[in-house]
Structures are given as C-alpha cells and as structure tokens.
PDB file of N, CA and C in Angstrom:
ATOM      1  N   MET A   1      -1.994 -20.193  -9.456  1.00  0.00           N
ATOM      2  CA  MET A   1      -3.222 -20.026 -10.205  1.00  0.00           C
ATOM      3  C   MET A   1      -2.894 -20.075 -11.689  1.00  0.00           C
ATOM      4  N   SER A   2      -3.908 -20.428 -12.434  1.00  0.00           N
ATOM      5  CA  SER A   2      -3.676 -20.603 -13.862  1.00  0.00           C
ATOM      6  C   SER A   2      -3.870 -19.318 -14.646  1.00  0.00           C
ATOM      7  N   HIS A   3      -4.516 -18.304 -14.049  1.00  0.00           N
ATOM      8  CA  HIS A   3      -4.734 -17.068 -14.793  1.00  0.00           C
ATOM      9  C   HIS A   3      -3.990 -15.915 -14.109  1.00  0.00           C
ATOM     10  N   ALA A   4      -3.614 -14.960 -14.912  1.00  0.00           N
ATOM     11  CA  ALA A   4      -2.890 -13.808 -14.379  1.00  0.00           C
ATOM     12  C   ALA A   4      -3.885 -12.812 -13.798  1.00  0.00           C
ATOM     13  N   ARG A   5      -3.546 -12.263 -12.656  1.00  0.00           N
ATOM     14  CA  ARG A   5      -4.408 -11.271 -12.034  1.00  0.00           C
ATOM     15  C   ARG A   5      -3.802  -9.895 -12.224  1.00  0.00           C
ATOM     16  N   ASN A   6      -4.663  -8.918 -12.343  1.00  0.00           N
ATOM     17  CA  ASN A   6      -4.211  -7.545 -12.497  1.00  0.00           C
ATOM     18  C   ASN A   6      -4.180  -6.895 -11.105  1.00  0.00           C
ATOM     19  N   THR A   7      -3.153  -7.192 -10.334  1.00  0.00           N
ATOM     20  CA  THR A   7      -3.059  -6.679  -8.970  1.00  0.00           C
ATOM     21  C   THR A   7      -2.118  -5.485  -8.865  1.00  0.00           C
ATOM     22  N   GLY A   8      -1.602  -5.046  -9.983  1.00  0.00           N
ATOM     23  CA  GLY A   8      -0.650  -3.922  -9.962  1.00  0.00           C
ATOM     24  C   GLY A   8      -1.220  -2.650  -9.360  1.00  0.00           C
ATOM     25  N   PRO A   9      -2.412  -2.180  -9.798  1.00  0.00           N
ATOM     26  CA  PRO A   9      -2.970  -0.962  -9.213  1.00  0.00           C
ATOM     27  C   PRO A   9      -3.256  -1.093  -7.722  1.00  0.00           C
ATOM     28  N   MET A  10      -3.680  -2.276  -7.305  1.00  0.00           N
ATOM     29  CA  MET A  10      -3.970  -2.483  -5.890  1.00  0.00           C
ATOM     30  C   MET A  10      -2.694  -2.411  -5.061  1.00  0.00           C
ATOM     31  N   GLN A  11      -1.638  -3.004  -5.543  1.00  0.00           N
ATOM     32  CA  GLN A  11      -0.386  -2.991  -4.799  1.00  0.00           C
ATOM     33  C   GLN A  11       0.278  -1.625  -4.837  1.00  0.00           C
ATOM     34  N   ALA A  12      -0.007  -0.838  -5.871  1.00  0.00           N
ATOM     35  CA  ALA A  12       0.610   0.478  -5.993  1.00  0.00           C
ATOM     36  C   ALA A  12      -0.151   1.556  -5.231  1.00  0.00           C
ATOM     37  N   SER A  13      -1.357   1.258  -4.741  1.00  0.00           N
ATOM     38  CA  SER A  13      -2.150   2.271  -4.049  1.00  0.00           C
ATOM     39  C   SER A  13      -1.521   2.606  -2.697  1.00  0.00           C
ATOM     40  N   PRO A  14      -1.721   3.838  -2.221  1.00  0.00           N
ATOM     41  CA  PRO A  14      -1.155   4.210  -0.920  1.00  0.00           C
ATOM     42  C   PRO A  14      -1.794   3.402   0.201  1.00  0.00           C
ATOM     43  N   ARG A  15      -1.035   3.135   1.230  1.00  0.00           N
ATOM     44  CA  ARG A  15      -1.499   2.319   2.342  1.00  0.00           C
ATOM     45  C   ARG A  15      -1.982   3.204   3.481  1.00  0.00           C
ATOM     46  N   CYS A  16      -2.784   2.633   4.343  1.00  0.00           N
ATOM     47  CA  CYS A  16      -3.386   3.369   5.450  1.00  0.00           C
ATOM     48  C   CYS A  16      -2.313   3.850   6.424  1.00  0.00           C
ATOM     49  N   GLY A  17      -1.550   2.956   6.975  1.00  0.00           N
ATOM     50  CA  GLY A  17      -0.455   3.326   7.865  1.00  0.00           C
ATOM     51  C   GLY A  17      -0.860   3.589   9.299  1.00  0.00           C
ATOM     52  N   ALA A  18      -2.127   3.388   9.665  1.00  0.00           N
ATOM     53  CA  ALA A  18      -2.541   3.582  11.051  1.00  0.00           C
ATOM     54  C   ALA A  18      -1.904   2.510  11.918  1.00  0.00           C
ATOM     55  N   GLN A  19      -1.621   2.849  13.160  1.00  0.00           N
ATOM     56  CA  GLN A  19      -1.012   1.877  14.059  1.00  0.00           C
ATOM     57  C   GLN A  19      -2.089   0.928  14.567  1.00  0.00           C
ATOM     58  N   THR A  20      -1.836  -0.369  14.413  1.00  0.00           N
ATOM     59  CA  THR A  20      -2.801  -1.372  14.839  1.00  0.00           C
ATOM     60  C   THR A  20      -2.538  -1.765  16.282  1.00  0.00           C
ATOM     61  N   ARG A  21      -3.375  -2.640  16.820  1.00  0.00           N
ATOM     62  CA  ARG A  21      -3.247  -3.043  18.221  1.00  0.00           C
ATOM     63  C   ARG A  21      -1.955  -3.787  18.509  1.00  0.00           C
ATOM     64  N   ASN A  22      -1.445  -4.477  17.509  1.00  0.00           N
ATOM     65  CA  ASN A  22      -0.201  -5.203  17.743  1.00  0.00           C
ATOM     66  C   ASN A  22       1.033  -4.345  17.474  1.00  0.00           C
ATOM     67  N   GLY A  23       0.850  -3.052  17.235  1.00  0.00           N
ATOM     68  CA  GLY A  23       1.973  -2.138  17.087  1.00  0.00           C
ATOM     69  C   GLY A  23       2.470  -1.962  15.672  1.00  0.00           C
ATOM     70  N   GLU A  24       1.977  -2.766  14.751  1.00  0.00           N
ATOM     71  CA  GLU A  24       2.398  -2.638  13.365  1.00  0.00           C
ATOM     72  C   GLU A  24       1.517  -1.612  12.666  1.00  0.00           C
ATOM     73  N   THR A  25       1.868  -1.310  11.424  1.00  0.00           N
ATOM     74  CA  THR A  25       1.052  -0.365  10.663  1.00  0.00           C
ATOM     75  C   THR A  25       0.045  -1.128   9.821  1.00  0.00           C
ATOM     76  N   CYS A  26      -1.112  -0.512   9.620  1.00  0.00           N
ATOM     77  CA  CYS A  26      -2.172  -1.117   8.816  1.00  0.00           C
ATOM     78  C   CYS A  26      -1.717  -1.174   7.359  1.00  0.00           C
ATOM     79  N   ARG A  27      -1.950  -2.296   6.731  1.00  0.00           N
ATOM     80  CA  ARG A  27      -1.520  -2.471   5.351  1.00  0.00           C
ATOM     81  C   ARG A  27      -2.670  -2.403   4.363  1.00  0.00           C
ATOM     82  N   ALA A  28      -3.854  -2.034   4.850  1.00  0.00           N
ATOM     83  CA  ALA A  28      -5.010  -1.920   3.956  1.00  0.00           C
ATOM     84  C   ALA A  28      -4.850  -0.683   3.076  1.00  0.00           C
ATOM     85  N   PRO A  29      -5.433  -0.709   1.881  1.00  0.00           N
ATOM     86  CA  PRO A  29      -5.311   0.465   1.014  1.00  0.00           C
ATOM     87  C   PRO A  29      -6.132   1.639   1.545  1.00  0.00           C
ATOM     88  N   ALA A  30      -5.571   2.826   1.435  1.00  0.00           N
ATOM     89  CA  ALA A  30      -6.296   4.029   1.842  1.00  0.00           C
ATOM     90  C   ALA A  30      -7.397   4.307   0.834  1.00  0.00           C
ATOM     91  N   LEU A  31      -8.469   4.926   1.306  1.00  0.00           N
ATOM     92  CA  LEU A  31      -9.564   5.265   0.409  1.00  0.00           C
ATOM     93  C   LEU A  31      -9.153   6.387  -0.533  1.00  0.00           C
ATOM     94  N   ARG A  32      -9.820   6.463  -1.643  1.00  0.00           N
ATOM     95  CA  ARG A  32      -9.494   7.465  -2.645  1.00  0.00           C
ATOM     96  C   ARG A  32      -9.670   8.861  -2.065  1.00  0.00           C
ATOM     97  N   GLY A  33      -8.647   9.660  -2.105  1.00  0.00           N
ATOM     98  CA  GLY A  33      -8.698  11.024  -1.603  1.00  0.00           C
ATOM     99  C   GLY A  33      -8.493  11.138  -0.103  1.00  0.00           C
ATOM    100  N   ARG A  34      -8.176  10.043   0.558  1.00  0.00           N
ATOM    101  CA  ARG A  34      -7.981  10.060   2.006  1.00  0.00           C
ATOM    102  C   ARG A  34      -6.664   9.390   2.357  1.00  0.00           C
ATOM    103  N   THR A  35      -6.267   9.537   3.609  1.00  0.00           N
ATOM    104  CA  THR A  35      -5.001   8.933   4.023  1.00  0.00           C
ATOM    105  C   THR A  35      -5.203   7.668   4.838  1.00  0.00           C
ATOM    106  N   ARG A  36      -6.455   7.338   5.190  1.00  0.00           N
ATOM    107  CA  ARG A  36      -6.729   6.159   5.998  1.00  0.00           C
ATOM    108  C   ARG A  36      -7.683   5.220   5.277  1.00  0.00           C
ATOM    109  N   CYS A  37      -7.688   3.961   5.719  1.00  0.00           N
ATOM    110  CA  CYS A  37      -8.570   2.960   5.123  1.00  0.00           C
ATOM    111  C   CYS A  37      -9.972   3.095   5.710  1.00  0.00           C
ATOM    112  N   ARG A  38     -10.890   2.257   5.257  1.00  0.00           N
ATOM    113  CA  ARG A  38     -12.276   2.337   5.713  1.00  0.00           C
ATOM    114  C   ARG A  38     -12.419   1.959   7.176  1.00  0.00           C
ATOM    115  N   MET A  39     -11.479   1.202   7.689  1.00  0.00           N
ATOM    116  CA  MET A  39     -11.564   0.765   9.084  1.00  0.00           C
ATOM    117  C   MET A  39     -10.917   1.741  10.055  1.00  0.00           C
ATOM    118  N   HIS A  40     -10.104   2.641   9.561  1.00  0.00           N
ATOM    119  CA  HIS A  40      -9.372   3.555  10.447  1.00  0.00           C
ATOM    120  C   HIS A  40      -9.709   5.018  10.197  1.00  0.00           C
ATOM    121  N   GLY A  41     -10.907   5.298   9.760  1.00  0.00           N
ATOM    122  CA  GLY A  41     -11.348   6.676   9.674  1.00  0.00           C
ATOM    123  C   GLY A  41     -11.481   7.238   8.285  1.00  0.00           C
ATOM    124  N   GLY A  42     -11.377   6.432   7.269  1.00  0.00           N
ATOM    125  CA  GLY A  42     -11.516   6.961   5.931  1.00  0.00           C
ATOM    126  C   GLY A  42     -12.957   6.984   5.446  1.00  0.00           C
ATOM    127  N   ALA A  43     -13.832   6.220   6.101  1.00  0.00           N
ATOM    128  CA  ALA A  43     -15.221   6.137   5.662  1.00  0.00           C
ATOM    129  C   ALA A  43     -15.975   7.408   6.023  1.00  0.00           C
ATOM    130  N   ALA A  44     -16.982   7.718   5.253  1.00  0.00           N
ATOM    131  CA  ALA A  44     -17.800   8.906   5.516  1.00  0.00           C
ATOM    132  C   ALA A  44     -18.546   8.732   6.822  1.00  0.00           C
ATOM    133  N   GLY A  45     -18.550   9.767   7.633  1.00  0.00           N
ATOM    134  CA  GLY A  45     -19.251   9.727   8.903  1.00  0.00           C
ATOM    135  C   GLY A  45     -18.484   9.057  10.018  1.00  0.00           C
ATOM    136  N   SER A  46     -17.275   8.617   9.762  1.00  0.00           N
ATOM    137  CA  SER A  46     -16.516   7.968  10.829  1.00  0.00           C
ATOM    138  C   SER A  46     -15.800   9.019  11.659  1.00  0.00           C
ATOM    139  N   GLY A  47     -15.463   8.652  12.847  1.00  0.00           N
ATOM    140  CA  GLY A  47     -14.776   9.559  13.743  1.00  0.00           C
ATOM    141  C   GLY A  47     -15.741  10.233  14.699  1.00  0.00           C
ATOM    142  N   ALA A  48     -15.194  11.010  15.570  1.00  0.00           N
ATOM    143  CA  ALA A  48     -15.993  11.672  16.596  1.00  0.00           C
ATOM    144  C   ALA A  48     -16.764  12.841  15.994  1.00  0.00           C
ATOM    145  N   PRO A  49     -17.904  13.169  16.562  1.00  0.00           N
ATOM    146  CA  PRO A  49     -18.650  14.333  16.083  1.00  0.00           C
ATOM    147  C   PRO A  49     -17.917  15.617  16.431  1.00  0.00           C
ATOM    148  N   PHE A  50     -18.250  16.696  15.731  1.00  0.00           N
ATOM    149  CA  PHE A  50     -17.604  17.969  15.994  1.00  0.00           C
ATOM    150  C   PHE A  50     -18.011  18.471  17.363  1.00  0.00           C
ATOM    151  N   GLY A  51     -17.095  19.078  18.036  1.00  0.00           N
ATOM    152  CA  GLY A  51     -17.347  19.531  19.401  1.00  0.00           C
ATOM    153  C   GLY A  51     -17.142  18.373  20.360  1.00  0.00           C
ATOM    154  N   ASN A  52     -16.952  18.686  21.601  1.00  0.00           N
ATOM    155  CA  ASN A  52     -16.710  17.655  22.595  1.00  0.00           C
ATOM    156  C   ASN A  52     -17.865  17.656  23.579  1.00  0.00           C
ATOM    157  N   ASN A  53     -18.965  17.015  23.200  1.00  0.00           N
ATOM    158  CA  ASN A  53     -20.129  16.974  24.069  1.00  0.00           C
ATOM    159  C   ASN A  53     -19.905  16.118  25.299  1.00  0.00           C
ATOM    160  N   ASN A  54     -18.920  15.221  25.250  1.00  0.00           N
ATOM    161  CA  ASN A  54     -18.649  14.391  26.410  1.00  0.00           C
ATOM    162  C   ASN A  54     -18.037  15.201  27.546  1.00  0.00           C
ATOM    163  N   ALA A  55     -17.455  16.339  27.240  1.00  0.00           N
ATOM    164  CA  ALA A  55     -16.801  17.143  28.260  1.00  0.00           C
ATOM    165  C   ALA A  55     -17.771  18.089  28.961  1.00  0.00           C
ATOM    166  N   VAL A  56     -19.022  18.117  28.500  1.00  0.00           N
ATOM    167  CA  VAL A  56     -19.994  19.003  29.123  1.00  0.00           C
ATOM    168  C   VAL A  56     -20.359  18.420  30.476  1.00  0.00           C
ATOM    169  N   LYS A  57     -20.218  19.197  31.508  1.00  0.00           N
ATOM    170  CA  LYS A  57     -20.497  18.728  32.857  1.00  0.00           C
ATOM    171  C   LYS A  57     -21.947  18.995  33.207  1.00  0.00           C
ATOM    172  N   HIS A  58     -22.586  18.021  33.822  1.00  0.00           N
ATOM    173  CA  HIS A  58     -23.979  18.183  34.199  1.00  0.00           C
ATOM    174  C   HIS A  58     -24.111  18.794  35.582  1.00  0.00           C
ATOM    175  N   GLY A  59     -23.081  18.728  36.418  1.00  0.00           N
ATOM    176  CA  GLY A  59     -23.097  19.379  37.715  1.00  0.00           C
ATOM    177  C   GLY A  59     -23.794  18.591  38.802  1.00  0.00           C
ATOM    178  N   PHE A  60     -24.126  17.325  38.564  1.00  0.00           N
ATOM    179  CA  PHE A  60     -24.848  16.542  39.572  1.00  0.00           C
ATOM    180  C   PHE A  60     -23.984  16.239  40.779  1.00  0.00           C
ATOM    181  N   PHE A  61     -22.680  16.130  40.598  1.00  0.00           N
ATOM    182  CA  PHE A  61     -21.798  15.763  41.692  1.00  0.00           C
ATOM    183  C   PHE A  61     -20.922  16.918  42.162  1.00  0.00           C
ATOM    184  N   THR A  62     -21.302  18.139  41.867  1.00  0.00           N
ATOM    185  CA  THR A  62     -20.565  19.271  42.416  1.00  0.00           C
ATOM    186  C   THR A  62     -20.858  19.367  43.903  1.00  0.00           C
ATOM    187  N   SER A  63     -19.972  19.990  44.642  1.00  0.00           N
ATOM    188  CA  SER A  63     -20.165  20.058  46.094  1.00  0.00           C
ATOM    189  C   SER A  63     -21.429  20.830  46.446  1.00  0.00           C
ATOM    190  N   GLU A  64     -21.765  21.850  45.655  1.00  0.00           N
ATOM    191  CA  GLU A  64     -22.987  22.611  45.925  1.00  0.00           C
ATOM    192  C   GLU A  64     -24.225  21.742  45.747  1.00  0.00           C
ATOM    193  N   ALA A  65     -24.246  20.926  44.689  1.00  0.00           N
ATOM    194  CA  ALA A  65     -25.406  20.068  44.439  1.00  0.00           C
ATOM    195  C   ALA A  65     -25.526  18.991  45.512  1.00  0.00           C
ATOM    196  N   ILE A  66     -24.417  18.445  45.957  1.00  0.00           N
ATOM    197  CA  ILE A  66     -24.443  17.433  47.016  1.00  0.00           C
ATOM    198  C   ILE A  66     -24.957  18.043  48.310  1.00  0.00           C
ATOM    199  N   ASP A  67     -24.454  19.240  48.646  1.00  0.00           N
ATOM    200  CA  ASP A  67     -24.914  19.918  49.867  1.00  0.00           C
ATOM    201  C   ASP A  67     -26.408  20.239  49.787  1.00  0.00           C
ATOM    202  N   GLU A  68     -26.869  20.642  48.613  1.00  0.00           N
ATOM    203  CA  GLU A  68     -28.295  20.949  48.453  1.00  0.00           C
ATOM    204  C   GLU A  68     -29.152  19.705  48.646  1.00  0.00           C
ATOM    205  N   ARG A  69     -28.731  18.570  48.102  1.00  0.00           N
ATOM    206  CA  ARG A  69     -29.487  17.331  48.283  1.00  0.00           C
ATOM    207  C   ARG A  69     -29.500  16.895  49.744  1.00  0.00           C
ATOM    208  N   LYS A  70     -28.374  17.064  50.436  1.00  0.00           N
ATOM    209  CA  LYS A  70     -28.337  16.744  51.867  1.00  0.00           C
ATOM    210  C   LYS A  70     -29.307  17.633  52.639  1.00  0.00           C
ATOM    211  N   PHE A  71     -29.350  18.914  52.298  1.00  0.00           N
ATOM    212  CA  PHE A  71     -30.253  19.847  52.969  1.00  0.00           C
ATOM    213  C   PHE A  71     -31.709  19.465  52.735  1.00  0.00           C
ATOM    214  N   VAL A  72     -32.054  19.120  51.494  1.00  0.00           N
ATOM    215  CA  VAL A  72     -33.425  18.744  51.169  1.00  0.00           C
ATOM    216  C   VAL A  72     -33.810  17.475  51.925  1.00  0.00           C
ATOM    217  N   ARG A  73     -32.908  16.492  51.992  1.00  0.00           N
ATOM    218  CA  ARG A  73     -33.201  15.271  52.738  1.00  0.00           C
ATOM    219  C   ARG A  73     -33.419  15.570  54.214  1.00  0.00           C
ATOM    220  N   ALA A  74     -32.613  16.463  54.791  1.00  0.00           N
ATOM    221  CA  ALA A  74     -32.765  16.822  56.200  1.00  0.00           C
ATOM    222  C   ALA A  74     -34.100  17.513  56.445  1.00  0.00           C
ATOM    223  N   VAL A  75     -34.482  18.422  55.561  1.00  0.00           N
ATOM    224  CA  VAL A  75     -35.762  19.127  55.714  1.00  0.00           C
ATOM    225  C   VAL A  75     -36.916  18.137  55.597  1.00  0.00           C
ATOM    226  N   LEU A  76     -36.827  17.210  54.648  1.00  0.00           N
ATOM    227  CA  LEU A  76     -37.901  16.230  54.490  1.00  0.00           C
ATOM    228  C   LEU A  76     -38.002  15.306  55.698  1.00  0.00           C
ATOM    229  N   SER A  77     -36.866  14.871  56.223  1.00  0.00           N
ATOM    230  CA  SER A  77     -36.930  13.989  57.399  1.00  0.00           C
ATOM    231  C   SER A  77     -37.499  14.738  58.607  1.00  0.00           C
ATOM    232  N   GLU A  78     -37.150  16.022  58.760  1.00  0.00           N
ATOM    233  CA  GLU A  78     -37.723  16.813  59.853  1.00  0.00           C
ATOM    234  C   GLU A  78     -39.230  16.979  59.669  1.00  0.00           C
ATOM    235  N   ALA A  79     -39.676  17.200  58.438  1.00  0.00           N
ATOM    236  CA  ALA A  79     -41.098  17.353  58.166  1.00  0.00           C
ATOM    237  C   ALA A  79     -41.846  16.054  58.451  1.00  0.00           C
ATOM    238  N   GLU A  80     -41.260  14.911  58.077  1.00  0.00           N
ATOM    239  CA  GLU A  80     -41.898  13.627  58.367  1.00  0.00           C
ATOM    240  C   GLU A  80     -41.996  13.393  59.869  1.00  0.00           C
ATOM    241  N   ALA A  81     -40.924  13.739  60.586  1.00  0.00           N
ATOM    242  CA  ALA A  81     -40.948  13.575  62.050  1.00  0.00           C
ATOM    243  C   ALA A  81     -42.010  14.477  62.671  1.00  0.00           C
ATOM    244  N   LEU A  82     -42.141  15.689  62.192  1.00  0.00           N
ATOM    245  CA  LEU A  82     -43.148  16.606  62.707  1.00  0.00           C
ATOM    246  C   LEU A  82     -44.550  16.081  62.421  1.00  0.00           C
ATOM    247  N   LEU A  83     -44.792  15.541  61.233  1.00  0.00           N
ATOM    248  CA  LEU A  83     -46.090  14.990  60.892  1.00  0.00           C
ATOM    249  C   LEU A  83     -46.417  13.758  61.753  1.00  0.00           C
ATOM    250  N   ARG A  84     -45.397  12.948  62.051  1.00  0.00           N
ATOM    251  CA  ARG A  84     -45.610  11.798  62.909  1.00  0.00           C
ATOM    252  C   ARG A  84     -46.008  12.245  64.331  1.00  0.00           C
ATOM    253  N   ASP A  85     -45.342  13.306  64.805  1.00  0.00           N
ATOM    254  CA  ASP A  85     -45.636  13.813  66.144  1.00  0.00           C
ATOM    255  C   ASP A  85     -47.035  14.411  66.217  1.00  0.00           C
ATOM    256  N   LEU A  86     -47.498  15.051  65.167  1.00  0.00           N
ATOM    257  CA  LEU A  86     -48.796  15.705  65.172  1.00  0.00           C
ATOM    258  C   LEU A  86     -49.941  14.700  65.072  1.00  0.00           C
ATOM    259  N   SER A  87     -49.684  13.535  64.471  1.00  0.00           N
ATOM    260  CA  SER A  87     -50.790  12.600  64.309  1.00  0.00           C
ATOM    261  C   SER A  87     -50.842  11.545  65.364  1.00  0.00           C
TER     262      SER A  87
END
C-alpha cells in the first residue's frame, strides 16, 4: 500500500484467546475491559442467563406420573365399555 497505517494499537491490544473449533486460540482483539472478543462472550448480554432453568424438571416422565396416566386411561376405557354396554 502507498500509505502508512496506524495498526500499532490494534496489534498491541490483548487477544481473546478462546479455543476455536479447530483447536487454535482466537486471535481477535478482546473488548475493552474484558478478556474475550465480541464473538466469544465479551459482548453485553452474551452467555447463559443466571440460574440454570434448563435443569428444572417438569416431572412429566417420572414413574409416578406415568403410572397415573396409565390408571386414568384404564378408568376411561372401563367407563367407555360400561357406557357401551348400557346403551
């Protein structure tokens, strides 16, 4: 290039260093006041929310819930059979 670029501050900035998919470290500059770049968690609002809501169990597949659903189905089928017999 014919003009000089002022790339000194950019090259001197700390690097992200996160491990990429190919096993190397990320060479993007870390955000100001952070240790990671914008793509690896340095951006505001990035990352998982506080608390682990994914670990909350709903209980739909517990053995008690499965047994209860089987019982309800059996009672309903018996009731339908009784109604068929009465009519």
